[in-house]
Amino acid sequence: MVSNEFLITLLIIVLLPGIGVLYTISAGLFNGARANIFSAMDVLLE
């Protein structure tokens, strides 16, 4: 059986966005849609 601590930790890890997501969102918010597309490709190719 899986412990409750493991399930809570797993839920926290899944719900928190990674650095790639934060980078892509911030590029889109501050530099527009074109920068958002290029930053998404950059994160994908890394």
C-alpha atoms as a PDB file:
ATOM      1  CA  MET A   1       0.000   0.000   0.000  1.00  0.00           C
ATOM      2  CA  VAL A   2       1.189   3.507  -0.774  1.00  0.00           C
ATOM      3  CA  SER A   3       1.641   5.810   2.195  1.00  0.00           C
ATOM      4  CA  ASN A   4      -0.209   9.087   2.609  1.00  0.00           C
ATOM      5  CA  GLU A   5       3.075  11.009   2.780  1.00  0.00           C
ATOM      6  CA  PHE A   6       4.061   9.669  -0.625  1.00  0.00           C
ATOM      7  CA  LEU A   7       0.717  10.665  -2.149  1.00  0.00           C
ATOM      8  CA  ILE A   8       0.922  14.182  -0.712  1.00  0.00           C
ATOM      9  CA  THR A   9       4.488  14.604  -1.995  1.00  0.00           C
ATOM     10  CA  LEU A  10       3.494  13.296  -5.412  1.00  0.00           C
ATOM     11  CA  LEU A  11       0.572  15.709  -5.585  1.00  0.00           C
ATOM     12  CA  ILE A  12       2.789  18.677  -4.696  1.00  0.00           C
ATOM     13  CA  ILE A  13       5.381  17.732  -7.318  1.00  0.00           C
ATOM     14  CA  VAL A  14       2.782  17.282 -10.041  1.00  0.00           C
ATOM     15  CA  LEU A  15       0.982  20.544  -9.307  1.00  0.00           C
ATOM     16  CA  LEU A  16       4.057  22.789  -9.164  1.00  0.00           C
ATOM     17  CA  PRO A  17       5.187  24.071 -12.568  1.00  0.00           C
ATOM     18  CA  GLY A  18       8.749  23.472 -13.645  1.00  0.00           C
ATOM     19  CA  ILE A  19      11.305  26.077 -14.644  1.00  0.00           C
ATOM     20  CA  GLY A  20      10.550  25.506 -18.331  1.00  0.00           C
ATOM     21  CA  VAL A  21       6.893  26.352 -17.832  1.00  0.00           C
ATOM     22  CA  LEU A  22       7.715  29.484 -15.859  1.00  0.00           C
ATOM     23  CA  TYR A  23      10.231  30.589 -18.504  1.00  0.00           C
ATOM     24  CA  THR A  24       7.764  30.063 -21.350  1.00  0.00           C
ATOM     25  CA  ILE A  25       4.925  31.880 -19.598  1.00  0.00           C
ATOM     26  CA  SER A  26       7.094  34.833 -18.610  1.00  0.00           C
ATOM     27  CA  ALA A  27       8.505  35.158 -22.127  1.00  0.00           C
ATOM     28  CA  GLY A  28       4.983  35.234 -23.523  1.00  0.00           C
ATOM     29  CA  LEU A  29       3.710  37.745 -21.000  1.00  0.00           C
ATOM     30  CA  PHE A  30       6.573  40.201 -21.301  1.00  0.00           C
ATOM     31  CA  ASN A  31       7.645  39.801 -24.937  1.00  0.00           C
ATOM     32  CA  GLY A  32       4.565  38.688 -26.867  1.00  0.00           C
ATOM     33  CA  ALA A  33       3.349  35.640 -28.729  1.00  0.00           C
ATOM     34  CA  ARG A  34       6.353  35.256 -31.030  1.00  0.00           C
ATOM     35  CA  ALA A  35       8.776  35.131 -28.094  1.00  0.00           C
ATOM     36  CA  ASN A  36       6.466  32.660 -26.416  1.00  0.00           C
ATOM     37  CA  ILE A  37       6.670  30.289 -29.392  1.00  0.00           C
ATOM     38  CA  PHE A  38      10.461  30.550 -29.579  1.00  0.00           C
ATOM     39  CA  SER A  39      10.876  30.029 -25.847  1.00  0.00           C
ATOM     40  CA  ALA A  40       8.641  26.950 -25.990  1.00  0.00           C
ATOM     41  CA  MET A  41      10.784  25.523 -28.811  1.00  0.00           C
ATOM     42  CA  ASP A  42      13.922  26.352 -26.817  1.00  0.00           C
ATOM     43  CA  VAL A  43      12.656  24.478 -23.768  1.00  0.00           C
ATOM     44  CA  LEU A  44      11.558  21.560 -25.933  1.00  0.00           C
ATOM     45  CA  LEU A  45      14.949  21.224 -27.639  1.00  0.00           C
ATOM     46  CA  GLU A  46      17.061  21.479 -24.487  1.00  0.00           C
END
